[in-house]
Amino acid sequence: MDILTEILAPAIEEARRSIPSAAKLEAKADCPLFGDGGVDSMGLVRFIIMVEERIEDRTQVQLTLASDKAMSRKSSPFRTVGALAEYVTECLDAEGYDG
């Protein structure tokens, strides 16, 4: 499954319509997700929830993306859209999802 295309792109479109700070988000791997050029902290929380819901709808796997595992990483999985796509793929792999 292409996480960027099938999960993140639709979530970004939804976020652009419903989260004011998400107006500049794009479904591009190098697009900043959080911080300078990305969404604000409340926008990030809302966006992560959207992504988690899309993951569960698409894969039947329930993930918590904003976990201790994510927060303890040397490099944040929330810095760019591409980093989040890689992190989601890693989490799905860890859950045994092979779809």
N, C-alpha and C. Protein backbone atom coordinates (compact mmCIF):
# COMPACT_ATOMS: atom_id res chain seq x y z
N MET A 1 0.85 -1.17 0.00
CA MET A 1 0.00 0.00 0.00
C MET A 1 0.90 1.24 0.00
N ASP A 2 0.54 2.20 -0.81
CA ASP A 2 1.25 3.48 -0.83
C ASP A 2 0.60 4.41 0.19
N ILE A 3 1.21 4.52 1.35
CA ILE A 3 0.65 5.29 2.46
C ILE A 3 0.43 6.75 2.07
N LEU A 4 1.36 7.33 1.36
CA LEU A 4 1.25 8.74 0.97
C LEU A 4 0.00 8.96 0.11
N THR A 5 -0.22 8.11 -0.85
CA THR A 5 -1.35 8.26 -1.77
C THR A 5 -2.68 7.83 -1.16
N GLU A 6 -2.68 6.68 -0.50
CA GLU A 6 -3.94 6.09 -0.06
C GLU A 6 -4.42 6.56 1.32
N ILE A 7 -3.51 7.01 2.16
CA ILE A 7 -3.89 7.43 3.52
C ILE A 7 -3.67 8.93 3.71
N LEU A 8 -2.45 9.38 3.47
CA LEU A 8 -2.11 10.77 3.80
C LEU A 8 -2.71 11.80 2.85
N ALA A 9 -2.71 11.55 1.56
CA ALA A 9 -3.26 12.52 0.61
C ALA A 9 -4.73 12.85 0.91
N PRO A 10 -5.59 11.84 1.10
CA PRO A 10 -6.98 12.17 1.45
C PRO A 10 -7.10 12.88 2.81
N ALA A 11 -6.26 12.49 3.77
CA ALA A 11 -6.29 13.16 5.08
C ALA A 11 -5.85 14.61 4.95
N ILE A 12 -4.87 14.87 4.10
CA ILE A 12 -4.41 16.24 3.88
C ILE A 12 -5.52 17.08 3.24
N GLU A 13 -6.21 16.52 2.27
CA GLU A 13 -7.32 17.25 1.65
C GLU A 13 -8.40 17.58 2.67
N GLU A 14 -8.73 16.62 3.52
CA GLU A 14 -9.72 16.86 4.58
C GLU A 14 -9.21 17.92 5.55
N ALA A 15 -7.94 17.83 5.92
CA ALA A 15 -7.36 18.80 6.85
C ALA A 15 -7.36 20.20 6.26
N ARG A 16 -7.07 20.33 4.99
CA ARG A 16 -7.05 21.65 4.36
C ARG A 16 -8.42 22.31 4.41
N ARG A 17 -9.48 21.50 4.41
CA ARG A 17 -10.84 22.03 4.48
C ARG A 17 -11.29 22.34 5.91
N SER A 18 -10.71 21.65 6.89
CA SER A 18 -11.25 21.76 8.25
C SER A 18 -10.28 22.30 9.31
N ILE A 19 -8.99 22.39 9.00
CA ILE A 19 -8.02 22.89 9.97
C ILE A 19 -7.37 24.14 9.38
N PRO A 20 -7.63 25.31 9.98
CA PRO A 20 -7.10 26.56 9.40
C PRO A 20 -5.58 26.55 9.16
N SER A 21 -4.81 25.99 10.05
CA SER A 21 -3.35 26.02 9.90
C SER A 21 -2.83 25.01 8.87
N ALA A 22 -3.73 24.21 8.30
CA ALA A 22 -3.32 23.18 7.33
C ALA A 22 -3.42 23.66 5.89
N ALA A 23 -3.68 24.93 5.67
CA ALA A 23 -3.90 25.45 4.33
C ALA A 23 -2.73 25.20 3.38
N LYS A 24 -1.51 25.14 3.91
CA LYS A 24 -0.33 24.97 3.07
C LYS A 24 0.12 23.51 2.92
N LEU A 25 -0.55 22.60 3.60
CA LEU A 25 -0.15 21.19 3.51
C LEU A 25 -0.34 20.66 2.10
N GLU A 26 0.60 19.85 1.66
CA GLU A 26 0.53 19.20 0.36
C GLU A 26 0.92 17.74 0.51
N ALA A 27 0.41 16.91 -0.37
CA ALA A 27 0.72 15.48 -0.32
C ALA A 27 2.04 15.22 -1.04
N LYS A 28 3.08 15.84 -0.54
CA LYS A 28 4.44 15.69 -1.07
C LYS A 28 5.34 15.27 0.08
N ALA A 29 6.24 14.34 -0.17
CA ALA A 29 7.09 13.80 0.89
C ALA A 29 7.88 14.87 1.63
N ASP A 30 8.33 15.91 0.95
CA ASP A 30 9.17 16.93 1.59
C ASP A 30 8.38 18.08 2.20
N CYS A 31 7.05 18.01 2.15
CA CYS A 31 6.22 19.07 2.72
C CYS A 31 6.31 19.06 4.24
N PRO A 32 6.62 20.21 4.86
CA PRO A 32 6.65 20.26 6.32
C PRO A 32 5.27 19.94 6.89
N LEU A 33 5.25 19.12 7.91
CA LEU A 33 3.98 18.75 8.55
C LEU A 33 3.74 19.58 9.80
N PHE A 34 4.78 19.79 10.56
CA PHE A 34 4.65 20.51 11.83
C PHE A 34 5.76 21.55 11.93
N GLY A 35 5.44 22.66 12.55
CA GLY A 35 6.45 23.70 12.71
C GLY A 35 6.43 24.68 11.56
N ASP A 36 7.56 25.22 11.22
CA ASP A 36 7.67 26.24 10.19
C ASP A 36 7.15 25.71 8.85
N GLY A 37 6.05 26.27 8.38
CA GLY A 37 5.45 25.83 7.12
C GLY A 37 4.41 24.74 7.28
N GLY A 38 4.29 24.16 8.47
CA GLY A 38 3.32 23.10 8.71
C GLY A 38 2.18 23.58 9.59
N VAL A 39 1.47 22.66 10.15
CA VAL A 39 0.33 22.98 11.02
C VAL A 39 0.79 23.36 12.42
N ASP A 40 -0.10 24.02 13.15
CA ASP A 40 0.20 24.33 14.55
C ASP A 40 -0.07 23.09 15.40
N SER A 41 0.18 23.18 16.70
CA SER A 41 0.10 21.99 17.56
C SER A 41 -1.31 21.41 17.62
N MET A 42 -2.33 22.23 17.71
CA MET A 42 -3.71 21.71 17.73
C MET A 42 -4.06 21.11 16.37
N GLY A 43 -3.58 21.74 15.31
CA GLY A 43 -3.81 21.21 13.97
C GLY A 43 -3.15 19.85 13.79
N LEU A 44 -1.96 19.69 14.36
CA LEU A 44 -1.26 18.40 14.27
C LEU A 44 -2.05 17.31 14.98
N VAL A 45 -2.57 17.62 16.14
CA VAL A 45 -3.36 16.63 16.89
C VAL A 45 -4.58 16.22 16.06
N ARG A 46 -5.28 17.17 15.51
CA ARG A 46 -6.46 16.87 14.70
C ARG A 46 -6.08 16.07 13.46
N PHE A 47 -4.96 16.44 12.83
CA PHE A 47 -4.52 15.73 11.63
C PHE A 47 -4.14 14.28 11.96
N ILE A 48 -3.43 14.07 13.05
CA ILE A 48 -3.04 12.72 13.44
C ILE A 48 -4.28 11.85 13.67
N ILE A 49 -5.30 12.41 14.29
CA ILE A 49 -6.55 11.67 14.50
C ILE A 49 -7.18 11.29 13.16
N MET A 50 -7.17 12.23 12.21
CA MET A 50 -7.70 11.93 10.87
C MET A 50 -6.94 10.78 10.22
N VAL A 51 -5.63 10.82 10.35
CA VAL A 51 -4.79 9.77 9.75
C VAL A 51 -5.05 8.43 10.43
N GLU A 52 -5.13 8.42 11.76
CA GLU A 52 -5.40 7.17 12.48
C GLU A 52 -6.74 6.57 12.05
N GLU A 53 -7.76 7.42 11.88
CA GLU A 53 -9.07 6.94 11.46
C GLU A 53 -9.01 6.36 10.05
N ARG A 54 -8.28 7.00 9.15
CA ARG A 54 -8.15 6.50 7.78
C ARG A 54 -7.39 5.18 7.75
N ILE A 55 -6.36 5.08 8.58
CA ILE A 55 -5.61 3.82 8.66
C ILE A 55 -6.52 2.69 9.10
N GLU A 56 -7.29 2.93 10.14
CA GLU A 56 -8.18 1.88 10.64
C GLU A 56 -9.25 1.51 9.60
N ASP A 57 -9.83 2.53 8.95
CA ASP A 57 -10.84 2.26 7.92
C ASP A 57 -10.27 1.43 6.77
N ARG A 58 -9.05 1.73 6.39
CA ARG A 58 -8.43 1.09 5.21
C ARG A 58 -7.82 -0.27 5.52
N THR A 59 -7.26 -0.42 6.75
CA THR A 59 -6.49 -1.63 7.06
C THR A 59 -7.09 -2.49 8.17
N GLN A 60 -8.05 -1.97 8.89
CA GLN A 60 -8.62 -2.63 10.07
C GLN A 60 -7.60 -2.75 11.20
N VAL A 61 -6.52 -1.97 11.13
CA VAL A 61 -5.49 -1.94 12.17
C VAL A 61 -5.63 -0.63 12.93
N GLN A 62 -5.71 -0.73 14.25
CA GLN A 62 -5.84 0.45 15.10
C GLN A 62 -4.45 0.85 15.59
N LEU A 63 -4.01 2.05 15.19
CA LEU A 63 -2.70 2.56 15.60
C LEU A 63 -2.86 3.82 16.42
N THR A 64 -1.92 4.03 17.34
CA THR A 64 -1.79 5.30 18.04
C THR A 64 -0.47 5.89 17.60
N LEU A 65 -0.53 6.88 16.72
CA LEU A 65 0.69 7.42 16.13
C LEU A 65 1.47 8.31 17.08
N ALA A 66 0.77 9.07 17.91
CA ALA A 66 1.45 9.96 18.86
C ALA A 66 1.72 9.19 20.15
N SER A 67 2.65 8.26 20.08
CA SER A 67 2.95 7.38 21.21
C SER A 67 4.33 7.71 21.78
N ASP A 68 4.68 7.04 22.87
CA ASP A 68 6.03 7.19 23.43
C ASP A 68 7.07 6.79 22.40
N LYS A 69 6.76 5.78 21.61
CA LYS A 69 7.68 5.33 20.57
C LYS A 69 7.98 6.47 19.59
N ALA A 70 6.96 7.19 19.19
CA ALA A 70 7.15 8.31 18.25
C ALA A 70 7.89 9.46 18.91
N MET A 71 7.52 9.76 20.13
CA MET A 71 8.09 10.92 20.81
C MET A 71 9.54 10.71 21.24
N SER A 72 9.94 9.47 21.40
CA SER A 72 11.30 9.19 21.87
C SER A 72 12.31 9.05 20.72
N ARG A 73 11.85 9.19 19.51
CA ARG A 73 12.75 9.07 18.36
C ARG A 73 13.69 10.25 18.26
N LYS A 74 14.85 9.98 17.74
CA LYS A 74 15.84 11.04 17.52
C LYS A 74 15.31 12.05 16.50
N SER A 75 14.64 11.55 15.48
CA SER A 75 14.09 12.40 14.43
C SER A 75 12.57 12.21 14.42
N SER A 76 11.83 13.29 14.59
CA SER A 76 10.37 13.22 14.71
C SER A 76 9.71 12.68 13.45
N PRO A 77 8.78 11.75 13.62
CA PRO A 77 8.03 11.27 12.46
C PRO A 77 7.00 12.29 11.98
N PHE A 78 6.89 13.41 12.67
CA PHE A 78 5.92 14.44 12.32
C PHE A 78 6.56 15.66 11.66
N ARG A 79 7.83 15.57 11.28
CA ARG A 79 8.51 16.73 10.69
C ARG A 79 8.08 16.98 9.25
N THR A 80 7.87 15.92 8.47
CA THR A 80 7.40 16.07 7.08
C THR A 80 6.35 15.02 6.78
N VAL A 81 5.65 15.23 5.69
CA VAL A 81 4.65 14.26 5.25
C VAL A 81 5.33 12.92 4.94
N GLY A 82 6.49 12.97 4.32
CA GLY A 82 7.22 11.75 3.99
C GLY A 82 7.66 10.99 5.22
N ALA A 83 8.12 11.72 6.24
CA ALA A 83 8.54 11.07 7.49
C ALA A 83 7.35 10.37 8.14
N LEU A 84 6.17 11.00 8.08
CA LEU A 84 4.98 10.38 8.65
C LEU A 84 4.60 9.13 7.85
N ALA A 85 4.70 9.20 6.53
CA ALA A 85 4.39 8.03 5.71
C ALA A 85 5.31 6.86 6.06
N GLU A 86 6.59 7.13 6.24
CA GLU A 86 7.54 6.08 6.62
C GLU A 86 7.20 5.51 7.99
N TYR A 87 6.83 6.39 8.92
CA TYR A 87 6.50 5.94 10.27
C TYR A 87 5.23 5.08 10.27
N VAL A 88 4.22 5.50 9.51
CA VAL A 88 2.98 4.71 9.43
C VAL A 88 3.28 3.33 8.85
N THR A 89 4.10 3.28 7.80
CA THR A 89 4.49 2.01 7.21
C THR A 89 5.19 1.12 8.23
N GLU A 90 6.10 1.70 8.99
CA GLU A 90 6.82 0.97 10.03
C GLU A 90 5.86 0.43 11.09
N CYS A 91 4.90 1.26 11.51
CA CYS A 91 3.94 0.83 12.53
C CYS A 91 3.04 -0.29 12.01
N LEU A 92 2.60 -0.17 10.76
CA LEU A 92 1.77 -1.23 10.17
C LEU A 92 2.57 -2.53 10.05
N ASP A 93 3.82 -2.43 9.64
CA ASP A 93 4.67 -3.61 9.57
C ASP A 93 4.81 -4.27 10.93
N ALA A 94 4.99 -3.46 11.97
CA ALA A 94 5.14 -3.99 13.33
C ALA A 94 3.87 -4.70 13.80
N GLU A 95 2.73 -4.28 13.27
CA GLU A 95 1.46 -4.93 13.62
C GLU A 95 1.17 -6.15 12.75
N GLY A 96 2.07 -6.43 11.81
CA GLY A 96 1.90 -7.60 10.96
C GLY A 96 1.02 -7.37 9.75
N TYR A 97 0.71 -6.11 9.45
CA TYR A 97 -0.13 -5.81 8.28
C TYR A 97 0.69 -5.98 7.02
N ASP A 98 0.16 -6.73 6.06
CA ASP A 98 0.91 -6.95 4.83
C ASP A 98 0.12 -6.57 3.58
N GLY A 99 -0.98 -5.80 3.77
CA GLY A 99 -1.86 -5.46 2.67
C GLY A 99 -1.31 -4.52 1.73
